[in-house]
Amino acid sequence: MANLQILTQQVRQCDLCSAKIPLPPRPIFSVNANAKILIAGQAPGIVTHEKYAPFMDKSGARLRDWMGISEAQFYKQQHIAILPMAFCYPGKAKDGDFPPPKICAATWRKKLLAHMPNIELCLLIGKYAIEWHVNEHAYLRKQNTLTETVKDWQIFNRKENGCDGEHIEYIPLPHPSPRNNIWLKKNPWFEQDILPSLRKKVRYALQKC
């Protein structure tokens, strides 16, 4: 198995989706063998693509606020890894961006995760990240809708019903995009009940770094 440095170089050169995406491939992600927190996002947006940095947009600013950390803390690779479901901008759809191409996660995700054995907390951002991890881990419990899944975050990890030995705690979250402003207004319990616990878990994980 290639070491992480070689694997990262291979991913940076990936062009599997070049014929299906509107811009030249520009894989954006951040991995480190010592990271304690993993952010499983969706796919880079156009602003992130242009700046060539993960979550360097309004979504990222909101996500950092949700986590209760600064921009400097967020981009410490040895503390926080950022691994979206697809690494390149998928293009603009009628309502938001296109879904992340599945071939990206199918080709690279497990290989990269295998080099990050110290992850303890994984934030699943949006339905695509939630669905991928639920399909990979039988003990994760997804409800019928994203709203219900996020609301039941405390029972998302069904460790007692057949844990596969992992020490990672997964937390499902809505996407922090401004497009979800209406959702946040309709669901005030998210900021009132979930964010305090999320920030506490993030602080605890970072204290171990």
C-alpha atoms as a PDB file:
ATOM      1  CA  MET A   1       0.000   0.000   0.000  1.00  0.00           C
ATOM      2  CA  ALA A   2       1.374   3.372  -1.024  1.00  0.00           C
ATOM      3  CA  ASN A   3       2.311   5.733   1.791  1.00  0.00           C
ATOM      4  CA  LEU A   4       0.186   8.796   2.382  1.00  0.00           C
ATOM      5  CA  GLN A   5       2.514  11.201   0.590  1.00  0.00           C
ATOM      6  CA  ILE A   6       2.572   9.092  -2.581  1.00  0.00           C
ATOM      7  CA  LEU A   7      -1.171   8.507  -2.399  1.00  0.00           C
ATOM      8  CA  THR A   8      -1.828  12.225  -1.985  1.00  0.00           C
ATOM      9  CA  GLN A   9       0.249  12.948  -5.095  1.00  0.00           C
ATOM     10  CA  GLN A  10      -1.748  10.365  -7.035  1.00  0.00           C
ATOM     11  CA  VAL A  11      -5.027  11.968  -5.987  1.00  0.00           C
ATOM     12  CA  ARG A  12      -3.763  15.441  -6.914  1.00  0.00           C
ATOM     13  CA  GLN A  13      -3.128  14.147 -10.442  1.00  0.00           C
ATOM     14  CA  CYS A  14      -6.506  12.405 -10.784  1.00  0.00           C
ATOM     15  CA  ASP A  15      -8.498  13.206 -13.933  1.00  0.00           C
ATOM     16  CA  LEU A  16     -11.160  10.474 -13.811  1.00  0.00           C
ATOM     17  CA  CYS A  17     -13.979  13.014 -14.096  1.00  0.00           C
ATOM     18  CA  SER A  18     -12.337  15.409 -16.536  1.00  0.00           C
ATOM     19  CA  ALA A  19     -14.826  14.638 -19.311  1.00  0.00           C
ATOM     20  CA  LYS A  20     -17.844  15.114 -17.015  1.00  0.00           C
ATOM     21  CA  ILE A  21     -17.044  18.295 -15.082  1.00  0.00           C
ATOM     22  CA  PRO A  22     -17.084  21.864 -16.466  1.00  0.00           C
ATOM     23  CA  LEU A  23     -13.597  22.914 -15.322  1.00  0.00           C
ATOM     24  CA  PRO A  24     -10.198  21.198 -15.375  1.00  0.00           C
ATOM     25  CA  PRO A  25      -9.757  18.787 -12.433  1.00  0.00           C
ATOM     26  CA  ARG A  26      -8.404  20.479  -9.325  1.00  0.00           C
ATOM     27  CA  PRO A  27      -8.684  17.998  -6.422  1.00  0.00           C
ATOM     28  CA  ILE A  28      -9.178  19.808  -3.115  1.00  0.00           C
ATOM     29  CA  PHE A  29      -8.795  17.958   0.172  1.00  0.00           C
ATOM     30  CA  SER A  30      -6.604  17.877   3.270  1.00  0.00           C
ATOM     31  CA  VAL A  31      -5.296  14.732   4.971  1.00  0.00           C
ATOM     32  CA  ASN A  32      -2.842  13.987   7.754  1.00  0.00           C
ATOM     33  CA  ALA A  33      -2.022  10.770   9.592  1.00  0.00           C
ATOM     34  CA  ASN A  34      -2.239  12.529  12.977  1.00  0.00           C
ATOM     35  CA  ALA A  35      -5.630  14.219  12.488  1.00  0.00           C
ATOM     36  CA  LYS A  36      -8.231  13.642  15.207  1.00  0.00           C
ATOM     37  CA  ILE A  37     -11.218  15.181  13.399  1.00  0.00           C
ATOM     38  CA  LEU A  38     -12.445  14.357   9.920  1.00  0.00           C
ATOM     39  CA  ILE A  39     -14.799  16.607   7.988  1.00  0.00           C
ATOM     40  CA  ALA A  40     -16.637  14.615   5.331  1.00  0.00           C
ATOM     41  CA  GLY A  41     -18.062  17.217   3.004  1.00  0.00           C
ATOM     42  CA  GLN A  42     -19.891  17.066  -0.299  1.00  0.00           C
ATOM     43  CA  ALA A  43     -17.762  18.564  -3.099  1.00  0.00           C
ATOM     44  CA  PRO A  44     -15.960  21.876  -3.613  1.00  0.00           C
ATOM     45  CA  GLY A  45     -18.082  24.816  -4.719  1.00  0.00           C
ATOM     46  CA  ILE A  46     -16.959  27.283  -7.346  1.00  0.00           C
ATOM     47  CA  VAL A  47     -15.477  29.715  -4.780  1.00  0.00           C
ATOM     48  CA  THR A  48     -13.509  26.918  -3.145  1.00  0.00           C
ATOM     49  CA  HIS A  49     -12.345  25.756  -6.580  1.00  0.00           C
ATOM     50  CA  GLU A  50     -11.085  29.222  -7.454  1.00  0.00           C
ATOM     51  CA  LYS A  51      -9.321  29.736  -4.118  1.00  0.00           C
ATOM     52  CA  TYR A  52      -8.004  26.146  -4.115  1.00  0.00           C
ATOM     53  CA  ALA A  53      -8.688  25.676  -0.404  1.00  0.00           C
ATOM     54  CA  PRO A  54     -11.413  23.543   1.230  1.00  0.00           C
ATOM     55  CA  PHE A  55     -14.352  25.429   2.736  1.00  0.00           C
ATOM     56  CA  MET A  56     -12.830  28.812   1.907  1.00  0.00           C
ATOM     57  CA  ASP A  57     -16.287  30.319   1.406  1.00  0.00           C
ATOM     58  CA  LYS A  58     -19.458  31.272   3.303  1.00  0.00           C
ATOM     59  CA  SER A  59     -20.211  27.616   3.971  1.00  0.00           C
ATOM     60  CA  GLY A  60     -16.815  27.230   5.591  1.00  0.00           C
ATOM     61  CA  ALA A  61     -17.296  30.315   7.754  1.00  0.00           C
ATOM     62  CA  ARG A  62     -20.573  28.914   9.053  1.00  0.00           C
ATOM     63  CA  LEU A  63     -19.083  25.459   9.592  1.00  0.00           C
ATOM     64  CA  ARG A  64     -16.244  26.933  11.663  1.00  0.00           C
ATOM     65  CA  ASP A  65     -18.835  28.808  13.710  1.00  0.00           C
ATOM     66  CA  TRP A  66     -20.771  25.594  14.243  1.00  0.00           C
ATOM     67  CA  MET A  67     -17.579  23.902  15.434  1.00  0.00           C
ATOM     68  CA  GLY A  68     -16.602  26.850  17.619  1.00  0.00           C
ATOM     69  CA  ILE A  69     -13.086  27.157  16.195  1.00  0.00           C
ATOM     70  CA  SER A  70     -11.037  29.769  14.380  1.00  0.00           C
ATOM     71  CA  GLU A  71      -9.915  29.691  10.766  1.00  0.00           C
ATOM     72  CA  ALA A  72      -6.363  29.002  11.920  1.00  0.00           C
ATOM     73  CA  GLN A  73      -7.503  25.978  13.944  1.00  0.00           C
ATOM     74  CA  PHE A  74      -9.650  24.734  11.076  1.00  0.00           C
ATOM     75  CA  TYR A  75      -6.740  24.580   8.642  1.00  0.00           C
ATOM     76  CA  LYS A  76      -4.245  22.802  10.906  1.00  0.00           C
ATOM     77  CA  GLN A  77      -3.861  19.638   8.864  1.00  0.00           C
ATOM     78  CA  GLN A  78      -2.313  17.692  11.729  1.00  0.00           C
ATOM     79  CA  HIS A  79      -5.515  18.275  13.728  1.00  0.00           C
ATOM     80  CA  ILE A  80      -8.353  18.331  11.188  1.00  0.00           C
ATOM     81  CA  ALA A  81      -8.617  16.382   7.933  1.00  0.00           C
ATOM     82  CA  ILE A  82     -11.039  17.459   5.199  1.00  0.00           C
ATOM     83  CA  LEU A  83     -12.144  14.734   2.824  1.00  0.00           C
ATOM     84  CA  PRO A  84     -15.226  15.517   0.697  1.00  0.00           C
ATOM     85  CA  MET A  85     -17.190  12.910  -1.213  1.00  0.00           C
ATOM     86  CA  ALA A  86     -15.708  14.307  -4.428  1.00  0.00           C
ATOM     87  CA  PHE A  87     -12.574  16.419  -4.728  1.00  0.00           C
ATOM     88  CA  CYS A  88     -13.400  18.598  -7.735  1.00  0.00           C
ATOM     89  CA  TYR A  89     -16.107  21.148  -8.505  1.00  0.00           C
ATOM     90  CA  PRO A  90     -18.949  19.142 -10.141  1.00  0.00           C
ATOM     91  CA  GLY A  91     -20.604  22.053 -11.895  1.00  0.00           C
ATOM     92  CA  LYS A  92     -23.731  24.143 -11.524  1.00  0.00           C
ATOM     93  CA  ALA A  93     -27.123  22.433 -11.626  1.00  0.00           C
ATOM     94  CA  LYS A  94     -30.577  24.002 -11.803  1.00  0.00           C
ATOM     95  CA  ASP A  95     -30.804  24.137  -8.017  1.00  0.00           C
ATOM     96  CA  GLY A  96     -27.325  24.281  -6.497  1.00  0.00           C
ATOM     97  CA  ASP A  97     -24.344  22.234  -7.657  1.00  0.00           C
ATOM     98  CA  PHE A  98     -24.455  18.777  -9.197  1.00  0.00           C
ATOM     99  CA  PRO A  99     -24.040  15.834  -6.795  1.00  0.00           C
ATOM    100  CA  PRO A 100     -20.485  14.636  -6.185  1.00  0.00           C
ATOM    101  CA  PRO A 101     -19.504  12.005  -8.798  1.00  0.00           C
ATOM    102  CA  LYS A 102     -19.539   8.606  -7.080  1.00  0.00           C
ATOM    103  CA  ILE A 103     -16.388   7.415  -8.841  1.00  0.00           C
ATOM    104  CA  CYS A 104     -14.294   9.772  -6.727  1.00  0.00           C
ATOM    105  CA  ALA A 105     -15.204   8.230  -3.367  1.00  0.00           C
ATOM    106  CA  ALA A 106     -15.202   4.738  -4.868  1.00  0.00           C
ATOM    107  CA  THR A 107     -11.633   5.205  -6.130  1.00  0.00           C
ATOM    108  CA  TRP A 108      -9.913   7.136  -3.359  1.00  0.00           C
ATOM    109  CA  ARG A 109     -11.867   7.384  -0.120  1.00  0.00           C
ATOM    110  CA  LYS A 110     -11.059   4.068   1.571  1.00  0.00           C
ATOM    111  CA  LYS A 111      -7.406   4.312   0.521  1.00  0.00           C
ATOM    112  CA  LEU A 112      -7.016   7.733   2.144  1.00  0.00           C
ATOM    113  CA  LEU A 113      -8.975   6.813   5.279  1.00  0.00           C
ATOM    114  CA  ALA A 114      -6.709   3.819   5.805  1.00  0.00           C
ATOM    115  CA  HIS A 115      -3.834   6.249   6.408  1.00  0.00           C
ATOM    116  CA  MET A 116      -5.674   8.204   9.105  1.00  0.00           C
ATOM    117  CA  PRO A 117      -5.952   5.798  12.058  1.00  0.00           C
ATOM    118  CA  ASN A 118      -6.241   8.516  14.705  1.00  0.00           C
ATOM    119  CA  ILE A 119      -9.586   9.984  13.646  1.00  0.00           C
ATOM    120  CA  GLU A 120     -11.971  10.078  16.629  1.00  0.00           C
ATOM    121  CA  LEU A 121     -14.687  12.466  15.465  1.00  0.00           C
ATOM    122  CA  CYS A 122     -16.163  12.593  11.970  1.00  0.00           C
ATOM    123  CA  LEU A 123     -18.575  15.314  10.891  1.00  0.00           C
ATOM    124  CA  LEU A 124     -20.817  14.136   8.055  1.00  0.00           C
ATOM    125  CA  ILE A 125     -21.829  17.223   6.088  1.00  0.00           C
ATOM    126  CA  GLY A 126     -25.007  16.697   4.071  1.00  0.00           C
ATOM    127  CA  LYS A 127     -26.884  13.715   2.706  1.00  0.00           C
ATOM    128  CA  TYR A 128     -24.197  12.366   0.365  1.00  0.00           C
ATOM    129  CA  ALA A 129     -21.618  12.008   3.139  1.00  0.00           C
ATOM    130  CA  ILE A 130     -24.223  10.527   5.475  1.00  0.00           C
ATOM    131  CA  GLU A 131     -25.398   7.980   2.909  1.00  0.00           C
ATOM    132  CA  TRP A 132     -21.866   6.856   1.994  1.00  0.00           C
ATOM    133  CA  HIS A 133     -20.895   6.197   5.594  1.00  0.00           C
ATOM    134  CA  VAL A 134     -24.186   4.488   6.427  1.00  0.00           C
ATOM    135  CA  ASN A 135     -23.605   2.151   3.476  1.00  0.00           C
ATOM    136  CA  GLU A 136     -20.091   1.410   4.738  1.00  0.00           C
ATOM    137  CA  HIS A 137     -20.968   0.851   8.415  1.00  0.00           C
ATOM    138  CA  ALA A 138     -23.977  -1.269   9.290  1.00  0.00           C
ATOM    139  CA  TYR A 139     -24.238   0.131  12.818  1.00  0.00           C
ATOM    140  CA  LEU A 140     -24.875   3.714  11.667  1.00  0.00           C
ATOM    141  CA  ARG A 141     -28.544   4.613  11.867  1.00  0.00           C
ATOM    142  CA  LYS A 142     -30.048   6.907   9.234  1.00  0.00           C
ATOM    143  CA  GLN A 143     -33.650   8.088   9.504  1.00  0.00           C
ATOM    144  CA  ASN A 144     -36.040   8.702   6.598  1.00  0.00           C
ATOM    145  CA  THR A 145     -35.016  12.344   6.114  1.00  0.00           C
ATOM    146  CA  LEU A 146     -31.902  14.376   6.714  1.00  0.00           C
ATOM    147  CA  THR A 147     -33.774  16.483   9.268  1.00  0.00           C
ATOM    148  CA  GLU A 148     -34.758  13.397  11.276  1.00  0.00           C
ATOM    149  CA  THR A 149     -31.252  11.973  11.005  1.00  0.00           C
ATOM    150  CA  VAL A 150     -29.664  15.180  12.310  1.00  0.00           C
ATOM    151  CA  LYS A 151     -32.233  15.467  15.082  1.00  0.00           C
ATOM    152  CA  ASP A 152     -31.475  11.895  16.194  1.00  0.00           C
ATOM    153  CA  TRP A 153     -27.712  12.464  16.121  1.00  0.00           C
ATOM    154  CA  GLN A 154     -27.283  10.946  19.591  1.00  0.00           C
ATOM    155  CA  ILE A 155     -28.408   7.508  18.389  1.00  0.00           C
ATOM    156  CA  PHE A 156     -26.770   7.713  14.961  1.00  0.00           C
ATOM    157  CA  ASN A 157     -23.905   5.507  16.181  1.00  0.00           C
ATOM    158  CA  ARG A 158     -25.521   2.190  17.151  1.00  0.00           C
ATOM    159  CA  LYS A 159     -22.361   0.786  18.703  1.00  0.00           C
ATOM    160  CA  GLU A 160     -24.285  -1.616  20.912  1.00  0.00           C
ATOM    161  CA  ASN A 161     -25.887  -3.338  17.923  1.00  0.00           C
ATOM    162  CA  GLY A 162     -22.869  -4.655  16.101  1.00  0.00           C
ATOM    163  CA  CYS A 163     -19.966  -2.236  16.173  1.00  0.00           C
ATOM    164  CA  ASP A 164     -17.228  -3.178  13.711  1.00  0.00           C
ATOM    165  CA  GLY A 165     -14.515  -2.121  16.138  1.00  0.00           C
ATOM    166  CA  GLU A 166     -14.065   1.483  15.046  1.00  0.00           C
ATOM    167  CA  HIS A 167     -13.406   4.155  17.645  1.00  0.00           C
ATOM    168  CA  ILE A 168     -14.838   6.957  15.510  1.00  0.00           C
ATOM    169  CA  GLU A 169     -17.936   8.911  16.522  1.00  0.00           C
ATOM    170  CA  TYR A 170     -19.961  10.132  13.556  1.00  0.00           C
ATOM    171  CA  ILE A 171     -22.175  13.228  13.741  1.00  0.00           C
ATOM    172  CA  PRO A 172     -24.618  13.925  10.872  1.00  0.00           C
ATOM    173  CA  LEU A 173     -25.061  17.593   9.991  1.00  0.00           C
ATOM    174  CA  PRO A 174     -26.905  19.647   7.390  1.00  0.00           C
ATOM    175  CA  HIS A 175     -24.788  21.432   4.831  1.00  0.00           C
ATOM    176  CA  PRO A 176     -23.708  24.883   6.117  1.00  0.00           C
ATOM    177  CA  SER A 177     -24.444  26.497   2.755  1.00  0.00           C
ATOM    178  CA  PRO A 178     -26.441  29.758   2.712  1.00  0.00           C
ATOM    179  CA  ARG A 179     -28.966  27.757   0.690  1.00  0.00           C
ATOM    180  CA  ASN A 180     -29.939  26.126   3.986  1.00  0.00           C
ATOM    181  CA  ASN A 181     -30.845  29.393   5.724  1.00  0.00           C
ATOM    182  CA  ILE A 182     -34.542  28.533   5.484  1.00  0.00           C
ATOM    183  CA  TRP A 183     -33.907  25.081   6.966  1.00  0.00           C
ATOM    184  CA  LEU A 184     -32.054  26.624   9.904  1.00  0.00           C
ATOM    185  CA  LYS A 185     -34.898  29.048  10.561  1.00  0.00           C
ATOM    186  CA  LYS A 186     -37.429  26.216  10.476  1.00  0.00           C
ATOM    187  CA  ASN A 187     -35.345  24.062  12.811  1.00  0.00           C
ATOM    188  CA  PRO A 188     -34.107  26.271  15.689  1.00  0.00           C
ATOM    189  CA  TRP A 189     -33.421  23.151  17.766  1.00  0.00           C
ATOM    190  CA  PHE A 190     -30.302  22.581  15.662  1.00  0.00           C
ATOM    191  CA  GLU A 191     -28.491  25.659  16.984  1.00  0.00           C
ATOM    192  CA  GLN A 192     -30.026  25.443  20.450  1.00  0.00           C
ATOM    193  CA  ASP A 193     -29.591  21.735  21.182  1.00  0.00           C
ATOM    194  CA  ILE A 194     -26.964  20.295  18.851  1.00  0.00           C
ATOM    195  CA  LEU A 195     -24.320  22.980  18.382  1.00  0.00           C
ATOM    196  CA  PRO A 196     -23.349  23.192  22.089  1.00  0.00           C
ATOM    197  CA  SER A 197     -22.697  19.430  22.124  1.00  0.00           C
ATOM    198  CA  LEU A 198     -20.874  19.570  18.792  1.00  0.00           C
ATOM    199  CA  ARG A 199     -18.554  22.318  20.026  1.00  0.00           C
ATOM    200  CA  LYS A 200     -17.843  20.387  23.191  1.00  0.00           C
ATOM    201  CA  LYS A 201     -16.899  17.270  21.217  1.00  0.00           C
ATOM    202  CA  VAL A 202     -14.686  19.303  18.875  1.00  0.00           C
ATOM    203  CA  ARG A 203     -12.876  20.937  21.807  1.00  0.00           C
ATOM    204  CA  TYR A 204     -12.349  17.554  23.446  1.00  0.00           C
ATOM    205  CA  ALA A 205     -10.891  16.024  20.286  1.00  0.00           C
ATOM    206  CA  LEU A 206      -8.583  18.986  19.666  1.00  0.00           C
ATOM    207  CA  GLN A 207      -7.295  18.856  23.237  1.00  0.00           C
ATOM    208  CA  LYS A 208      -5.828  15.446  22.408  1.00  0.00           C
ATOM    209  CA  CYS A 209      -3.843  16.778  19.459  1.00  0.00           C
END
